[in-house]
All heavy atoms as atom14 arrays in JSON, in Angstrom:
{
  "sequence": "RVALRSLFALAVTAFTGGALGRIATRPPSGEGPALSTGR",
  "atom14_mask": [
    [1, 1, 1, 1, 1, 1, 1, 1, 1, 1, 1, 0, 0, 0],
    [1, 1, 1, 1, 1, 1, 1, 0, 0, 0, 0, 0, 0, 0],
    [1, 1, 1, 1, 1, 0, 0, 0, 0, 0, 0, 0, 0, 0],
    [1, 1, 1, 1, 1, 1, 1, 1, 0, 0, 0, 0, 0, 0],
    [1, 1, 1, 1, 1, 1, 1, 1, 1, 1, 1, 0, 0, 0],
    [1, 1, 1, 1, 1, 1, 0, 0, 0, 0, 0, 0, 0, 0],
    [1, 1, 1, 1, 1, 1, 1, 1, 0, 0, 0, 0, 0, 0],
    [1, 1, 1, 1, 1, 1, 1, 1, 1, 1, 1, 0, 0, 0],
    [1, 1, 1, 1, 1, 0, 0, 0, 0, 0, 0, 0, 0, 0],
    [1, 1, 1, 1, 1, 1, 1, 1, 0, 0, 0, 0, 0, 0],
    [1, 1, 1, 1, 1, 0, 0, 0, 0, 0, 0, 0, 0, 0],
    [1, 1, 1, 1, 1, 1, 1, 0, 0, 0, 0, 0, 0, 0],
    [1, 1, 1, 1, 1, 1, 1, 0, 0, 0, 0, 0, 0, 0],
    [1, 1, 1, 1, 1, 0, 0, 0, 0, 0, 0, 0, 0, 0],
    [1, 1, 1, 1, 1, 1, 1, 1, 1, 1, 1, 0, 0, 0],
    [1, 1, 1, 1, 1, 1, 1, 0, 0, 0, 0, 0, 0, 0],
    [1, 1, 1, 1, 0, 0, 0, 0, 0, 0, 0, 0, 0, 0],
    [1, 1, 1, 1, 0, 0, 0, 0, 0, 0, 0, 0, 0, 0],
    [1, 1, 1, 1, 1, 0, 0, 0, 0, 0, 0, 0, 0, 0],
    [1, 1, 1, 1, 1, 1, 1, 1, 0, 0, 0, 0, 0, 0],
    [1, 1, 1, 1, 0, 0, 0, 0, 0, 0, 0, 0, 0, 0],
    [1, 1, 1, 1, 1, 1, 1, 1, 1, 1, 1, 0, 0, 0],
    [1, 1, 1, 1, 1, 1, 1, 1, 0, 0, 0, 0, 0, 0],
    [1, 1, 1, 1, 1, 0, 0, 0, 0, 0, 0, 0, 0, 0],
    [1, 1, 1, 1, 1, 1, 1, 0, 0, 0, 0, 0, 0, 0],
    [1, 1, 1, 1, 1, 1, 1, 1, 1, 1, 1, 0, 0, 0],
    [1, 1, 1, 1, 1, 1, 1, 0, 0, 0, 0, 0, 0, 0],
    [1, 1, 1, 1, 1, 1, 1, 0, 0, 0, 0, 0, 0, 0],
    [1, 1, 1, 1, 1, 1, 0, 0, 0, 0, 0, 0, 0, 0],
    [1, 1, 1, 1, 0, 0, 0, 0, 0, 0, 0, 0, 0, 0],
    [1, 1, 1, 1, 1, 1, 1, 1, 1, 0, 0, 0, 0, 0],
    [1, 1, 1, 1, 0, 0, 0, 0, 0, 0, 0, 0, 0, 0],
    [1, 1, 1, 1, 1, 1, 1, 0, 0, 0, 0, 0, 0, 0],
    [1, 1, 1, 1, 1, 0, 0, 0, 0, 0, 0, 0, 0, 0],
    [1, 1, 1, 1, 1, 1, 1, 1, 0, 0, 0, 0, 0, 0],
    [1, 1, 1, 1, 1, 1, 0, 0, 0, 0, 0, 0, 0, 0],
    [1, 1, 1, 1, 1, 1, 1, 0, 0, 0, 0, 0, 0, 0],
    [1, 1, 1, 1, 0, 0, 0, 0, 0, 0, 0, 0, 0, 0],
    [1, 1, 1, 1, 1, 1, 1, 1, 1, 1, 1, 0, 0, 0]
  ],
  "atom14_positions": [
    [[0.07, 46.27, 132.06], [-0.26, 46.75, 130.72], [-1.18, 45.76, 129.98], [-2.15, 46.15, 129.34], [1.01, 46.98, 129.91], [0.73, 47.57, 128.54], [1.99, 47.89, 127.82], [2.69, 48.95, 128.52], [3.86, 49.45, 128.18], [4.48, 48.97, 127.14], [4.42, 50.4, 128.87], [0.0, 0.0, 0.0], [0.0, 0.0, 0.0], [0.0, 0.0, 0.0]],
    [[-0.9, 44.46, 130.08], [-1.72, 43.44, 129.43], [-3.12, 43.44, 130.04], [-4.12, 43.36, 129.33], [-1.06, 42.05, 129.54], [-1.99, 40.95, 129.05], [0.25, 42.02, 128.77], [0.0, 0.0, 0.0], [0.0, 0.0, 0.0], [0.0, 0.0, 0.0], [0.0, 0.0, 0.0], [0.0, 0.0, 0.0], [0.0, 0.0, 0.0], [0.0, 0.0, 0.0]],
    [[-3.19, 43.54, 131.36], [-4.49, 43.55, 132.03], [-5.31, 44.77, 131.61], [-6.51, 44.67, 131.35], [-4.3, 43.53, 133.54], [0.0, 0.0, 0.0], [0.0, 0.0, 0.0], [0.0, 0.0, 0.0], [0.0, 0.0, 0.0], [0.0, 0.0, 0.0], [0.0, 0.0, 0.0], [0.0, 0.0, 0.0], [0.0, 0.0, 0.0], [0.0, 0.0, 0.0]],
    [[-4.69, 45.95, 131.54], [-5.4, 47.16, 131.14], [-5.85, 47.1, 129.69], [-6.97, 47.51, 129.37], [-4.53, 48.4, 131.38], [-4.32, 48.78, 132.84], [-3.33, 49.93, 132.96], [-5.63, 49.13, 133.5], [0.0, 0.0, 0.0], [0.0, 0.0, 0.0], [0.0, 0.0, 0.0], [0.0, 0.0, 0.0], [0.0, 0.0, 0.0], [0.0, 0.0, 0.0]],
    [[-5.03, 46.56, 128.81], [-5.42, 46.42, 127.4], [-6.61, 45.47, 127.26], [-7.53, 45.72, 126.5], [-4.26, 45.91, 126.56], [-3.24, 46.96, 126.24], [-2.17, 46.4, 125.34], [-1.13, 47.4, 125.13], [0.05, 47.14, 124.65], [0.36, 45.9, 124.3], [0.93, 48.08, 124.47], [0.0, 0.0, 0.0], [0.0, 0.0, 0.0], [0.0, 0.0, 0.0]],
    [[-6.57, 44.38, 128.02], [-7.67, 43.42, 127.97], [-8.96, 44.05, 128.48], [-10.03, 43.87, 127.89], [-7.34, 42.18, 128.8], [-6.2, 41.53, 128.27], [0.0, 0.0, 0.0], [0.0, 0.0, 0.0], [0.0, 0.0, 0.0], [0.0, 0.0, 0.0], [0.0, 0.0, 0.0], [0.0, 0.0, 0.0], [0.0, 0.0, 0.0], [0.0, 0.0, 0.0]],
    [[-8.89, 44.79, 129.55], [-10.06, 45.46, 130.1], [-10.61, 46.48, 129.12], [-11.82, 46.58, 128.91], [-9.71, 46.12, 131.43], [-10.86, 46.79, 132.18], [-11.93, 45.76, 132.52], [-10.34, 47.46, 133.43], [0.0, 0.0, 0.0], [0.0, 0.0, 0.0], [0.0, 0.0, 0.0], [0.0, 0.0, 0.0], [0.0, 0.0, 0.0], [0.0, 0.0, 0.0]],
    [[-9.73, 47.24, 128.49], [-10.15, 48.24, 127.5], [-10.83, 47.55, 126.31], [-11.87, 47.99, 125.85], [-8.95, 49.06, 127.02], [-9.3, 50.04, 125.95], [-9.99, 51.2, 126.25], [-8.94, 49.82, 124.63], [-10.33, 52.11, 125.27], [-9.27, 50.71, 123.64], [-9.96, 51.87, 123.95], [0.0, 0.0, 0.0], [0.0, 0.0, 0.0], [0.0, 0.0, 0.0]],
    [[-10.25, 46.45, 125.82], [-10.83, 45.74, 124.68], [-12.21, 45.2, 125.02], [-13.13, 45.28, 124.21], [-9.9, 44.59, 124.25], [0.0, 0.0, 0.0], [0.0, 0.0, 0.0], [0.0, 0.0, 0.0], [0.0, 0.0, 0.0], [0.0, 0.0, 0.0], [0.0, 0.0, 0.0], [0.0, 0.0, 0.0], [0.0, 0.0, 0.0], [0.0, 0.0, 0.0]],
    [[-12.38, 44.69, 126.22], [-13.7, 44.2, 126.65], [-14.72, 45.33, 126.71], [-15.86, 45.18, 126.3], [-13.59, 43.51, 128.01], [-13.0, 42.11, 128.0], [-12.75, 41.63, 129.41], [-13.92, 41.16, 127.28], [0.0, 0.0, 0.0], [0.0, 0.0, 0.0], [0.0, 0.0, 0.0], [0.0, 0.0, 0.0], [0.0, 0.0, 0.0], [0.0, 0.0, 0.0]],
    [[-14.31, 46.49, 127.23], [-15.22, 47.63, 127.33], [-15.64, 48.12, 125.95], [-16.82, 48.4, 125.7], [-14.56, 48.75, 128.12], [0.0, 0.0, 0.0], [0.0, 0.0, 0.0], [0.0, 0.0, 0.0], [0.0, 0.0, 0.0], [0.0, 0.0, 0.0], [0.0, 0.0, 0.0], [0.0, 0.0, 0.0], [0.0, 0.0, 0.0], [0.0, 0.0, 0.0]],
    [[-14.69, 48.22, 125.03], [-15.0, 48.67, 123.66], [-15.93, 47.68, 122.98], [-16.91, 48.06, 122.34], [-13.7, 48.86, 122.84], [-14.01, 49.04, 121.37], [-12.93, 50.06, 123.37], [0.0, 0.0, 0.0], [0.0, 0.0, 0.0], [0.0, 0.0, 0.0], [0.0, 0.0, 0.0], [0.0, 0.0, 0.0], [0.0, 0.0, 0.0], [0.0, 0.0, 0.0]],
    [[-15.66, 46.39, 123.14], [-16.52, 45.36, 122.54], [-17.93, 45.43, 123.09], [-18.9, 45.37, 122.34], [-15.92, 43.96, 122.78], [-14.59, 43.94, 122.25], [-16.75, 42.88, 122.14], [0.0, 0.0, 0.0], [0.0, 0.0, 0.0], [0.0, 0.0, 0.0], [0.0, 0.0, 0.0], [0.0, 0.0, 0.0], [0.0, 0.0, 0.0], [0.0, 0.0, 0.0]],
    [[-18.06, 45.58, 124.39], [-19.39, 45.64, 125.01], [-20.15, 46.88, 124.54], [-21.34, 46.8, 124.2], [-19.26, 45.65, 126.53], [0.0, 0.0, 0.0], [0.0, 0.0, 0.0], [0.0, 0.0, 0.0], [0.0, 0.0, 0.0], [0.0, 0.0, 0.0], [0.0, 0.0, 0.0], [0.0, 0.0, 0.0], [0.0, 0.0, 0.0], [0.0, 0.0, 0.0]],
    [[-19.49, 48.03, 124.49], [-20.16, 49.26, 124.06], [-20.57, 49.16, 122.59], [-21.69, 49.5, 122.24], [-19.25, 50.47, 124.25], [-19.87, 51.73, 123.73], [-20.85, 52.38, 124.45], [-19.49, 52.26, 122.51], [-21.44, 53.54, 123.97], [-20.06, 53.4, 122.02], [-21.04, 54.05, 122.76], [0.0, 0.0, 0.0], [0.0, 0.0, 0.0], [0.0, 0.0, 0.0]],
    [[-19.68, 48.69, 121.74], [-19.98, 48.58, 120.31], [-21.12, 47.6, 120.07], [-22.03, 47.88, 119.29], [-18.73, 48.13, 119.52], [-17.68, 49.07, 119.77], [-19.0, 48.07, 118.04], [0.0, 0.0, 0.0], [0.0, 0.0, 0.0], [0.0, 0.0, 0.0], [0.0, 0.0, 0.0], [0.0, 0.0, 0.0], [0.0, 0.0, 0.0], [0.0, 0.0, 0.0]],
    [[-21.1, 46.47, 120.75], [-22.18, 45.5, 120.6], [-23.51, 46.08, 121.02], [-24.53, 45.87, 120.35], [0.0, 0.0, 0.0], [0.0, 0.0, 0.0], [0.0, 0.0, 0.0], [0.0, 0.0, 0.0], [0.0, 0.0, 0.0], [0.0, 0.0, 0.0], [0.0, 0.0, 0.0], [0.0, 0.0, 0.0], [0.0, 0.0, 0.0], [0.0, 0.0, 0.0]],
    [[-23.53, 46.82, 122.11], [-24.78, 47.44, 122.56], [-25.29, 48.48, 121.58], [-26.48, 48.53, 121.28], [0.0, 0.0, 0.0], [0.0, 0.0, 0.0], [0.0, 0.0, 0.0], [0.0, 0.0, 0.0], [0.0, 0.0, 0.0], [0.0, 0.0, 0.0], [0.0, 0.0, 0.0], [0.0, 0.0, 0.0], [0.0, 0.0, 0.0], [0.0, 0.0, 0.0]],
    [[-24.38, 49.29, 121.07], [-24.79, 50.33, 120.12], [-25.29, 49.72, 118.82], [-26.32, 50.14, 118.28], [-23.62, 51.28, 119.84], [0.0, 0.0, 0.0], [0.0, 0.0, 0.0], [0.0, 0.0, 0.0], [0.0, 0.0, 0.0], [0.0, 0.0, 0.0], [0.0, 0.0, 0.0], [0.0, 0.0, 0.0], [0.0, 0.0, 0.0], [0.0, 0.0, 0.0]],
    [[-24.59, 48.72, 118.29], [-25.02, 48.09, 117.05], [-26.32, 47.3, 117.25], [-27.14, 47.21, 116.34], [-23.92, 47.18, 116.5], [-22.67, 47.91, 116.01], [-21.63, 46.91, 115.53], [-23.0, 48.9, 114.92], [0.0, 0.0, 0.0], [0.0, 0.0, 0.0], [0.0, 0.0, 0.0], [0.0, 0.0, 0.0], [0.0, 0.0, 0.0], [0.0, 0.0, 0.0]],
    [[-26.51, 46.75, 118.44], [-27.75, 46.06, 118.75], [-28.94, 47.0, 118.7], [-30.02, 46.66, 118.2], [0.0, 0.0, 0.0], [0.0, 0.0, 0.0], [0.0, 0.0, 0.0], [0.0, 0.0, 0.0], [0.0, 0.0, 0.0], [0.0, 0.0, 0.0], [0.0, 0.0, 0.0], [0.0, 0.0, 0.0], [0.0, 0.0, 0.0], [0.0, 0.0, 0.0]],
    [[-28.75, 48.23, 119.19], [-29.83, 49.22, 119.14], [-30.13, 49.6, 117.7], [-31.28, 49.79, 117.33], [-29.45, 50.47, 119.92], [-29.51, 50.29, 121.41], [-29.11, 51.56, 122.11], [-29.94, 52.67, 121.67], [-30.67, 53.42, 122.47], [-30.67, 53.16, 123.75], [-31.37, 54.42, 122.0], [0.0, 0.0, 0.0], [0.0, 0.0, 0.0], [0.0, 0.0, 0.0]],
    [[-29.11, 49.7, 116.87], [-29.32, 50.04, 115.46], [-30.06, 48.9, 114.76], [-30.99, 49.12, 114.0], [-27.97, 50.33, 114.77], [-27.39, 51.64, 115.3], [-28.15, 50.4, 113.26], [-25.98, 51.92, 114.84], [0.0, 0.0, 0.0], [0.0, 0.0, 0.0], [0.0, 0.0, 0.0], [0.0, 0.0, 0.0], [0.0, 0.0, 0.0], [0.0, 0.0, 0.0]],
    [[-29.64, 47.67, 115.03], [-30.25, 46.52, 114.35], [-31.71, 46.32, 114.73], [-32.5, 45.82, 113.93], [-29.45, 45.26, 114.66], [0.0, 0.0, 0.0], [0.0, 0.0, 0.0], [0.0, 0.0, 0.0], [0.0, 0.0, 0.0], [0.0, 0.0, 0.0], [0.0, 0.0, 0.0], [0.0, 0.0, 0.0], [0.0, 0.0, 0.0], [0.0, 0.0, 0.0]],
    [[-32.08, 46.67, 115.95], [-33.45, 46.46, 116.39], [-34.34, 47.67, 116.18], [-35.51, 47.64, 116.52], [-33.5, 46.06, 117.88], [-32.9, 47.11, 118.65], [-32.76, 44.75, 118.11], [0.0, 0.0, 0.0], [0.0, 0.0, 0.0], [0.0, 0.0, 0.0], [0.0, 0.0, 0.0], [0.0, 0.0, 0.0], [0.0, 0.0, 0.0], [0.0, 0.0, 0.0]],
    [[-33.81, 48.72, 115.61], [-34.6, 49.92, 115.36], [-35.63, 49.64, 114.27], [-35.32, 49.01, 113.27], [-33.68, 51.06, 114.92], [-34.4, 52.37, 114.76], [-33.38, 53.49, 114.56], [-34.04, 54.73, 114.36], [-34.44, 55.53, 115.35], [-34.24, 55.17, 116.58], [-35.02, 56.68, 115.09], [0.0, 0.0, 0.0], [0.0, 0.0, 0.0], [0.0, 0.0, 0.0]],
    [[-36.87, 50.1, 114.44], [-37.89, 49.85, 113.42], [-37.54, 50.55, 112.12], [-36.86, 51.58, 112.13], [-39.18, 50.42, 114.01], [-38.76, 51.29, 115.13], [-37.4, 50.86, 115.57], [0.0, 0.0, 0.0], [0.0, 0.0, 0.0], [0.0, 0.0, 0.0], [0.0, 0.0, 0.0], [0.0, 0.0, 0.0], [0.0, 0.0, 0.0], [0.0, 0.0, 0.0]],
    [[-37.98, 50.01, 110.97], [-37.7, 50.64, 109.69], [-38.22, 52.08, 109.68], [-39.21, 52.4, 110.32], [-38.46, 49.78, 108.68], [-38.68, 48.48, 109.36], [-38.74, 48.77, 110.83], [0.0, 0.0, 0.0], [0.0, 0.0, 0.0], [0.0, 0.0, 0.0], [0.0, 0.0, 0.0], [0.0, 0.0, 0.0], [0.0, 0.0, 0.0], [0.0, 0.0, 0.0]],
    [[-37.53, 52.92, 108.92], [-37.9, 54.34, 108.92], [-39.25, 54.58, 108.29], [-39.82, 55.65, 108.45], [-36.83, 55.15, 108.19], [-36.76, 54.74, 106.85], [0.0, 0.0, 0.0], [0.0, 0.0, 0.0], [0.0, 0.0, 0.0], [0.0, 0.0, 0.0], [0.0, 0.0, 0.0], [0.0, 0.0, 0.0], [0.0, 0.0, 0.0], [0.0, 0.0, 0.0]],
    [[-39.81, 53.61, 107.59], [-41.14, 53.76, 107.02], [-42.21, 53.91, 108.09], [-43.32, 54.34, 107.83], [0.0, 0.0, 0.0], [0.0, 0.0, 0.0], [0.0, 0.0, 0.0], [0.0, 0.0, 0.0], [0.0, 0.0, 0.0], [0.0, 0.0, 0.0], [0.0, 0.0, 0.0], [0.0, 0.0, 0.0], [0.0, 0.0, 0.0], [0.0, 0.0, 0.0]],
    [[-41.86, 53.56, 109.33], [-42.81, 53.69, 110.43], [-42.77, 55.08, 111.04], [-43.39, 55.34, 112.05], [-42.52, 52.63, 111.49], [-42.74, 51.23, 110.96], [-42.38, 50.17, 111.97], [-42.25, 50.49, 113.17], [-42.23, 49.02, 111.56], [0.0, 0.0, 0.0], [0.0, 0.0, 0.0], [0.0, 0.0, 0.0], [0.0, 0.0, 0.0], [0.0, 0.0, 0.0]],
    [[-42.02, 55.97, 110.45], [-42.01, 57.36, 110.9], [-40.76, 57.73, 111.65], [-40.28, 56.97, 112.47], [0.0, 0.0, 0.0], [0.0, 0.0, 0.0], [0.0, 0.0, 0.0], [0.0, 0.0, 0.0], [0.0, 0.0, 0.0], [0.0, 0.0, 0.0], [0.0, 0.0, 0.0], [0.0, 0.0, 0.0], [0.0, 0.0, 0.0], [0.0, 0.0, 0.0]],
    [[-40.22, 58.93, 111.38], [-39.0, 59.37, 112.04], [-39.29, 60.06, 113.37], [-39.01, 61.23, 113.55], [-38.41, 60.34, 111.03], [-39.6, 60.93, 110.35], [-40.63, 59.83, 110.32], [0.0, 0.0, 0.0], [0.0, 0.0, 0.0], [0.0, 0.0, 0.0], [0.0, 0.0, 0.0], [0.0, 0.0, 0.0], [0.0, 0.0, 0.0], [0.0, 0.0, 0.0]],
    [[-39.91, 59.35, 114.29], [-40.26, 59.96, 115.57], [-39.41, 59.37, 116.68], [-39.06, 58.2, 116.66], [-41.73, 59.76, 115.87], [0.0, 0.0, 0.0], [0.0, 0.0, 0.0], [0.0, 0.0, 0.0], [0.0, 0.0, 0.0], [0.0, 0.0, 0.0], [0.0, 0.0, 0.0], [0.0, 0.0, 0.0], [0.0, 0.0, 0.0], [0.0, 0.0, 0.0]],
    [[-39.1, 60.18, 117.66], [-38.43, 59.72, 118.86], [-39.48, 59.13, 119.79], [-40.68, 59.29, 119.6], [-37.73, 60.9, 119.55], [-36.59, 61.54, 118.77], [-36.15, 62.82, 119.46], [-35.43, 60.58, 118.67], [0.0, 0.0, 0.0], [0.0, 0.0, 0.0], [0.0, 0.0, 0.0], [0.0, 0.0, 0.0], [0.0, 0.0, 0.0], [0.0, 0.0, 0.0]],
    [[-39.03, 58.46, 120.83], [-39.98, 57.87, 121.77], [-40.83, 58.93, 122.46], [-41.88, 58.63, 122.99], [-39.22, 57.03, 122.81], [-38.31, 57.84, 123.52], [0.0, 0.0, 0.0], [0.0, 0.0, 0.0], [0.0, 0.0, 0.0], [0.0, 0.0, 0.0], [0.0, 0.0, 0.0], [0.0, 0.0, 0.0], [0.0, 0.0, 0.0], [0.0, 0.0, 0.0]],
    [[-40.37, 60.16, 122.46], [-41.14, 61.24, 123.09], [-42.22, 61.77, 122.16], [-43.0, 62.62, 122.56], [-40.2, 62.41, 123.45], [-39.58, 62.88, 122.25], [-39.14, 61.98, 124.43], [0.0, 0.0, 0.0], [0.0, 0.0, 0.0], [0.0, 0.0, 0.0], [0.0, 0.0, 0.0], [0.0, 0.0, 0.0], [0.0, 0.0, 0.0], [0.0, 0.0, 0.0]],
    [[-42.27, 61.28, 120.92], [-43.27, 61.74, 119.97], [-42.81, 62.91, 119.11], [-43.48, 63.29, 118.17], [0.0, 0.0, 0.0], [0.0, 0.0, 0.0], [0.0, 0.0, 0.0], [0.0, 0.0, 0.0], [0.0, 0.0, 0.0], [0.0, 0.0, 0.0], [0.0, 0.0, 0.0], [0.0, 0.0, 0.0], [0.0, 0.0, 0.0], [0.0, 0.0, 0.0]],
    [[-41.65, 63.49, 119.43], [-41.12, 64.59, 118.63], [-40.48, 64.04, 117.36], [-40.06, 62.9, 117.32], [-40.07, 65.38, 119.4], [-40.63, 66.11, 120.6], [-39.53, 66.82, 121.36], [-38.67, 65.8, 121.96], [-37.36, 65.88, 122.06], [-36.71, 66.92, 121.59], [-36.66, 64.92, 122.6], [0.0, 0.0, 0.0], [0.0, 0.0, 0.0], [0.0, 0.0, 0.0]]
  ]
}
């Protein structure tokens, strides 16, 4: 149980860090609300 909780906590931390990193590095919206595909 301790091992599974630790693994789960590490996975959640890694996913959250990655998602927040993408938000933090996103260009300001003044540069246009376009996706990388141009849409």
